[in-house]
Protein backbone atom coordinates (compact mmCIF):
# COMPACT_ATOMS: atom_id res chain seq x y z
CA MET A 1 0.00 0.00 0.00
CA SER A 2 2.78 2.45 0.89
CA LEU A 3 4.41 1.74 -2.48
CA SER A 4 1.13 2.53 -4.24
CA VAL A 5 0.82 5.83 -2.37
CA LEU A 6 4.40 6.77 -3.27
CA THR A 7 3.78 5.82 -6.90
CA ILE A 8 0.70 8.06 -7.08
CA LEU A 9 2.56 10.92 -5.36
CA GLY A 10 5.44 10.54 -7.79
CA LYS A 11 3.16 10.64 -10.81
CA VAL A 12 1.25 13.67 -9.53
CA LEU A 13 4.51 15.52 -8.76
CA LEU A 14 5.86 14.67 -12.20
CA THR A 15 2.61 15.92 -13.75
CA LEU A 16 3.04 19.20 -11.85
CA VAL A 17 6.60 19.45 -13.18
CA PHE A 18 5.28 19.00 -16.73
CA ILE A 19 2.64 21.67 -16.05
CA VAL A 20 5.17 24.16 -14.65
CA VAL A 21 7.68 23.63 -17.47
CA ILE A 22 5.06 24.04 -20.21
CA THR A 23 3.54 27.07 -18.46
CA VAL A 24 6.94 28.76 -18.04
CA ILE A 25 7.87 28.16 -21.69
CA LEU A 26 4.57 29.57 -22.93
CA SER A 27 4.83 32.53 -20.52
CA ILE A 28 8.28 33.36 -21.86
CA VAL A 29 6.86 33.29 -25.39
CA ALA A 30 4.06 35.60 -24.24
CA ALA A 31 6.60 37.99 -22.68
CA VAL A 32 8.63 38.10 -25.91
CA ILE A 33 5.50 38.84 -27.95
CA ALA A 34 4.50 41.58 -25.49
CA ILE A 35 7.95 43.21 -25.83
CA LEU A 36 7.82 42.96 -29.62
CA LYS A 37 4.44 44.69 -29.58
CA GLN A 38 5.65 47.37 -27.15
CA PRO A 39 9.48 47.64 -27.16
CA GLU A 40 9.44 50.02 -24.18
CA LEU A 41 8.42 47.10 -21.94
CA GLU A 42 11.94 45.70 -22.32
CA ARG A 43 13.18 48.24 -19.79
CA SER A 44 11.51 46.50 -16.84
CA MET A 45 10.20 43.03 -15.95
CA ALA A 46 7.60 44.75 -13.79
CA ALA A 47 6.33 46.57 -16.88
CA VAL A 48 6.03 43.26 -18.74
CA ALA A 49 4.22 41.65 -15.78
CA GLY A 50 1.73 44.54 -15.73
CA ASP A 51 1.04 44.52 -19.46
CA SER A 52 -2.59 43.57 -20.18
CA PHE A 53 -1.66 41.32 -23.11
CA PHE A 54 0.91 39.46 -21.02
CA ILE A 55 -1.48 39.01 -18.08
CA LYS A 56 -4.11 37.38 -20.31
CA ALA A 57 -1.53 35.32 -22.24
CA ALA A 58 0.12 34.10 -19.02
CA LEU A 59 -3.27 32.96 -17.70
CA TRP A 60 -3.91 30.98 -20.87
CA ALA A 61 -0.35 29.62 -20.65
CA GLN A 62 -1.26 28.18 -17.25
CA ILE A 63 -4.49 26.67 -18.58
CA ILE A 64 -2.71 25.10 -21.57
CA GLY A 65 0.08 23.95 -19.24
CA PHE A 66 -2.36 22.09 -17.01
CA ILE A 67 -4.15 20.42 -19.90
CA SER A 68 -0.93 19.47 -21.72
CA GLY A 69 0.74 18.22 -18.53
CA VAL A 70 -2.18 15.94 -17.72
CA PHE A 71 -2.34 14.47 -21.21
CA LEU A 72 1.44 13.96 -21.22
CA SER A 73 1.45 12.09 -17.90
CA TYR A 74 -1.61 10.04 -18.82
CA GLY A 75 -0.12 9.13 -22.19
CA ILE A 76 3.18 8.06 -20.68
CA PHE A 77 1.99 6.14 -17.62
CA GLU A 78 -1.72 5.30 -17.76
CA ARG A 79 -3.07 5.02 -21.30
CA ARG A 80 -2.58 1.24 -21.53
CA LYS A 81 -3.99 0.43 -18.08
CA GLY A 82 -7.65 0.42 -19.08
CA TRP A 83 -8.98 3.47 -17.23
CA THR A 84 -9.84 6.71 -19.01
CA LEU A 85 -9.76 10.40 -18.21
CA GLY A 86 -13.51 10.57 -18.78
CA ILE A 87 -13.54 12.63 -21.96
CA GLN A 88 -14.69 9.77 -24.20
CA SER A 89 -18.46 9.61 -23.78
CA ARG A 90 -21.33 8.59 -26.04
CA HIS A 91 -23.59 11.21 -24.46
CA PHE A 92 -21.08 14.01 -23.89
CA ALA A 93 -23.36 16.77 -25.26
CA ARG A 94 -26.24 15.69 -23.02
CA ARG A 95 -24.00 15.42 -19.95
CA LEU A 96 -22.39 18.80 -20.71
CA GLY A 97 -25.84 20.37 -21.04
CA GLU A 98 -27.10 18.72 -17.85
CA GLY A 99 -24.06 19.99 -15.98
CA PHE A 100 -24.40 23.51 -17.38
CA VAL A 101 -28.06 23.73 -16.38
CA ALA A 102 -27.41 22.26 -12.93
CA GLY A 103 -24.54 24.64 -12.24
CA ALA A 104 -26.57 27.62 -13.49
CA LEU A 105 -29.53 26.76 -11.26
CA LEU A 106 -27.41 26.16 -8.15
CA ILE A 107 -25.37 29.37 -8.38
CA THR A 108 -28.44 31.45 -9.36
CA VAL A 109 -30.36 30.22 -6.32
CA SER A 110 -27.32 30.90 -4.13
CA CYS A 111 -26.74 34.46 -5.43
CA LEU A 112 -30.43 35.41 -5.32
CA SER A 113 -30.77 33.99 -1.80
CA ILE A 114 -27.80 36.05 -0.57
CA TRP A 115 -29.46 39.14 -2.08
CA LEU A 116 -32.93 38.37 -0.64
CA LEU A 117 -31.43 37.82 2.81
CA GLY A 118 -29.82 41.25 2.67
CA GLY A 119 -26.21 40.18 2.24
CA ILE A 120 -25.57 42.29 -0.85
CA ASN A 121 -26.81 45.30 -2.76
CA VAL A 122 -27.09 44.72 -6.53
CA GLN A 123 -26.68 47.41 -9.19
CA SER A 124 -26.41 47.18 -12.97
CA ASN A 125 -23.17 48.12 -14.69
CA SER A 126 -23.25 50.64 -17.49
CA TRP A 127 -23.29 48.87 -20.86
CA THR A 128 -20.30 49.84 -23.00
CA GLU A 129 -19.14 48.87 -26.48
CA SER A 130 -16.45 46.66 -24.95
CA MET A 131 -18.80 44.87 -22.53
CA LEU A 132 -19.85 42.13 -24.97
CA ALA A 133 -16.24 41.36 -25.86
CA GLN A 134 -15.35 41.24 -22.16
CA LEU A 135 -18.22 38.85 -21.40
CA VAL A 136 -17.24 36.59 -24.32
CA GLY A 137 -13.65 36.69 -23.09
CA GLY A 138 -14.82 35.77 -19.59
CA PHE A 139 -16.88 32.87 -20.95
CA LEU A 140 -13.91 31.53 -22.95
CA LEU A 141 -11.66 31.92 -19.92
CA PHE A 142 -14.06 29.94 -17.75
CA ILE A 143 -14.22 27.21 -20.39
CA GLY A 144 -10.44 26.91 -20.06
CA VAL A 145 -10.61 26.97 -16.25
CA ALA A 146 -13.35 24.33 -16.12
CA VAL A 147 -11.56 22.01 -18.54
CA ASN A 148 -8.11 22.29 -16.96
CA GLU A 149 -9.26 21.96 -13.33
CA GLU A 150 -11.66 19.10 -14.04
CA LEU A 151 -9.16 17.29 -16.26
CA PHE A 152 -6.49 17.46 -13.55
CA ALA A 153 -8.59 16.88 -10.41
CA ARG A 154 -11.44 14.67 -11.59
CA GLY A 155 -9.94 13.21 -14.77
CA TYR A 156 -6.36 12.36 -13.89
CA LEU A 157 -6.06 12.45 -10.10
CA GLN A 158 -9.43 10.87 -9.34
CA GLY A 159 -8.86 8.19 -11.96
CA LEU A 160 -5.33 7.52 -10.73
CA VAL A 161 -6.43 7.02 -7.11
CA LYS A 162 -9.54 5.05 -8.05
CA GLU A 163 -7.47 2.54 -10.01
CA ARG A 164 -5.50 1.67 -6.84
CA PHE A 165 -7.81 2.45 -3.90
CA GLY A 166 -11.41 2.65 -5.14
CA THR A 167 -14.07 5.30 -5.65
CA THR A 168 -14.42 6.68 -2.10
CA ALA A 169 -10.70 7.37 -1.73
CA ALA A 170 -10.57 8.82 -5.25
CA ILE A 171 -13.36 11.33 -4.64
CA THR A 172 -11.94 12.26 -1.23
CA ILE A 173 -8.40 12.92 -2.53
CA SER A 174 -9.51 14.81 -5.64
CA THR A 175 -11.86 16.93 -3.51
CA LEU A 176 -9.15 17.95 -1.04
CA VAL A 177 -6.56 18.63 -3.75
CA PHE A 178 -9.10 20.72 -5.69
CA ALA A 179 -9.81 22.83 -2.60
CA PHE A 180 -6.14 23.46 -1.85
CA LEU A 181 -5.41 24.38 -5.49
CA HIS A 182 -7.13 27.64 -4.50
CA ALA A 183 -4.96 28.16 -1.42
CA PHE A 184 -3.42 31.39 -2.74
CA ASN A 185 -6.64 32.96 -4.06
CA PRO A 186 -7.50 36.36 -2.55
CA GLY A 187 -9.73 36.02 0.53
CA MET A 188 -9.31 32.24 0.70
CA TRP A 189 -8.46 32.25 4.41
CA SER A 190 -10.58 35.25 5.44
CA THR A 191 -13.14 32.92 7.07
CA PRO A 192 -13.52 29.10 7.21
CA MET A 193 -16.33 29.23 4.60
CA PRO A 194 -14.25 29.43 1.38
CA LEU A 195 -12.39 26.22 2.25
CA LEU A 196 -15.59 24.44 3.31
CA ASN A 197 -17.42 25.50 0.14
CA LEU A 198 -14.53 24.51 -2.13
CA ILE A 199 -14.52 21.09 -0.48
CA LEU A 200 -18.26 20.78 -1.08
CA ALA A 201 -17.89 22.00 -4.68
CA GLY A 202 -15.11 19.45 -5.23
CA LEU A 203 -17.34 16.75 -3.75
CA LEU A 204 -20.20 17.81 -6.04
CA PHE A 205 -17.95 17.64 -9.11
CA GLY A 206 -16.33 14.38 -7.99
CA VAL A 207 -19.67 12.66 -7.41
CA SER A 208 -20.94 13.98 -10.75
CA ARG A 209 -17.86 12.60 -12.51
CA GLU A 210 -18.44 9.13 -11.05
CA LEU A 211 -22.20 8.93 -11.46
CA SER A 212 -22.27 10.40 -14.98
CA LYS A 213 -19.27 8.21 -15.92
CA GLY A 214 -17.39 11.08 -17.51
CA LEU A 215 -16.00 14.60 -17.17
CA TRP A 216 -18.58 16.46 -19.23
CA MET A 217 -21.16 16.98 -16.50
CA PRO A 218 -18.69 18.44 -13.97
CA ILE A 219 -17.11 20.56 -16.74
CA GLY A 220 -20.51 22.01 -17.67
CA MET A 221 -21.40 22.58 -14.03
CA HIS A 222 -18.04 24.22 -13.27
CA LEU A 223 -18.34 26.49 -16.33
CA SER A 224 -21.84 27.83 -15.67
CA TRP A 225 -21.18 28.18 -11.92
CA ASN A 226 -18.14 30.42 -12.50
CA PHE A 227 -19.52 32.40 -15.44
CA ILE A 228 -22.91 33.24 -13.94
CA GLN A 229 -21.44 34.00 -10.54
CA GLY A 230 -18.76 36.32 -11.91
CA CYS A 231 -19.84 37.68 -15.29
CA ILE A 232 -23.59 37.92 -14.70
CA PHE A 233 -24.11 38.66 -11.00
CA GLY A 234 -20.77 40.36 -10.44
CA PHE A 235 -19.48 38.37 -7.48
CA GLN A 236 -15.78 37.72 -7.21
CA VAL A 237 -15.07 34.17 -8.40
CA SER A 238 -12.98 32.48 -5.72
CA GLY A 239 -11.65 35.94 -4.87
CA THR A 240 -11.06 37.03 -8.48
CA PRO A 241 -13.02 39.99 -9.96
CA MET A 242 -14.54 39.70 -13.43
CA PRO A 243 -16.27 42.07 -15.91
CA SER A 244 -19.99 41.67 -15.28
CA ILE A 245 -23.52 42.78 -16.17
CA PHE A 246 -24.36 43.50 -12.53
CA LYS A 247 -22.14 44.54 -9.65
CA VAL A 248 -22.59 43.66 -5.99
CA GLN A 249 -21.71 45.52 -2.85
CA ASP A 250 -21.52 43.74 0.49
CA GLN A 251 -23.89 45.08 3.11
CA GLY A 252 -24.11 42.17 5.50
CA SER A 253 -21.67 40.00 7.39
CA ALA A 254 -19.03 38.10 5.39
CA LEU A 255 -20.69 34.90 6.59
CA LEU A 256 -23.76 35.88 4.59
CA SER A 257 -22.36 37.94 1.70
CA GLY A 258 -19.25 35.83 1.13
CA GLY A 259 -16.98 38.84 1.64
CA SER A 260 -13.91 39.21 -0.54
CA PHE A 261 -14.13 35.61 -1.76
CA GLY A 262 -17.50 36.09 -3.44
CA ALA A 263 -20.59 33.90 -3.20
CA GLU A 264 -18.36 30.88 -2.54
CA GLY A 265 -17.54 32.41 0.85
CA SER A 266 -21.18 32.47 2.00
CA LEU A 267 -22.98 30.09 4.35
CA VAL A 268 -25.92 30.24 1.90
CA THR A 269 -23.70 28.62 -0.74
CA THR A 270 -22.74 25.91 1.73
CA ILE A 271 -26.38 24.90 2.01
CA ILE A 272 -26.96 25.11 -1.75
CA LEU A 273 -23.91 22.93 -2.50
CA ALA A 274 -25.00 20.30 0.04
CA VAL A 275 -28.47 20.21 -1.55
CA GLY A 276 -26.85 20.03 -5.01
CA ILE A 277 -24.87 16.93 -4.04
CA LEU A 278 -28.03 15.20 -2.81
CA LEU A 279 -29.95 16.17 -5.97
CA VAL A 280 -27.22 14.81 -8.27
CA MET A 281 -27.11 11.54 -6.32
CA ASN A 282 -30.91 11.26 -6.46
CA TYR A 283 -31.01 12.08 -10.20
CA TYR A 284 -28.52 9.38 -11.16
CA GLY A 285 -30.07 6.94 -8.70
CA GLN A 286 -33.39 7.33 -10.50
CA LEU A 287 -31.70 6.88 -13.89
CA ALA A 288 -30.06 3.67 -12.69
CA ARG A 289 -33.38 2.32 -11.40
CA ARG A 290 -35.09 3.12 -14.72
CA GLN A 291 -32.38 1.34 -16.68
CA THR A 292 -32.61 -1.69 -14.38
CA TYR A 293 -36.39 -1.75 -14.83
CA LYS A 294 -36.13 -1.53 -18.65
CA LYS A 295 -33.60 -4.39 -18.70
CA SER A 296 -35.91 -6.52 -16.58
CA LEU A 297 -38.68 -6.03 -19.15
CA SER A 298 -36.55 -6.91 -22.17
């Protein structure tokens, strides 16, 4: 057992090395392009780091680094072992749609409940010519975030642990790692709620990955959760501000409003996530019973 644990740790660490190397290479390329576009940036690394093009390119470098690192490790070590990352699915469009709708409903109920309980004041942002482009950019960014985080946590890590130790251990480990991937996000440690809610969100995604037998439902759920929370309602997404249609201003306690971490720092979201987990389990339980019944009739 100890050898299996060390093997998994070694593979995960090597995957992280792949991710870092690819990210650094792509970030260097982005820095060079930024300097070529604006030669005056060459005078200072701080100027390059503050350049808007470089900031966006470096973020995409990280996303591509995560995705490439996972595929590289899986291809080298796991491809011939019989388990998959969960991206091959006969019903991927349906599962993606189910996840998107589920995530949209859960985060909408959470945000509206925080508002109705007096945790926030909501105002509309002035519509500008650049707003549509910013919202599209936010949507594309959250596609990248959803794919890279789900591919790493629920695709590779959860599959890797499940192959050795079973489903319960796999969901537990992927959930905890997912939560601590956000350890350096702004406001993460402001109250205990962000950590608790990230654990519950990881559990929701992990259970969805197992019950739907693929990554597409958690990817869809992750995407709509982030986009609607940040780009529609105007909450900070795990502590990160986004361009949005509405803007929110805290007017209650951080326990209710979520504080600097956004809706994911609110006790209301804790309840919504717990209910979401139960609903997903009930939904797939009913599907399994229907399939069993149909087989018994054939």
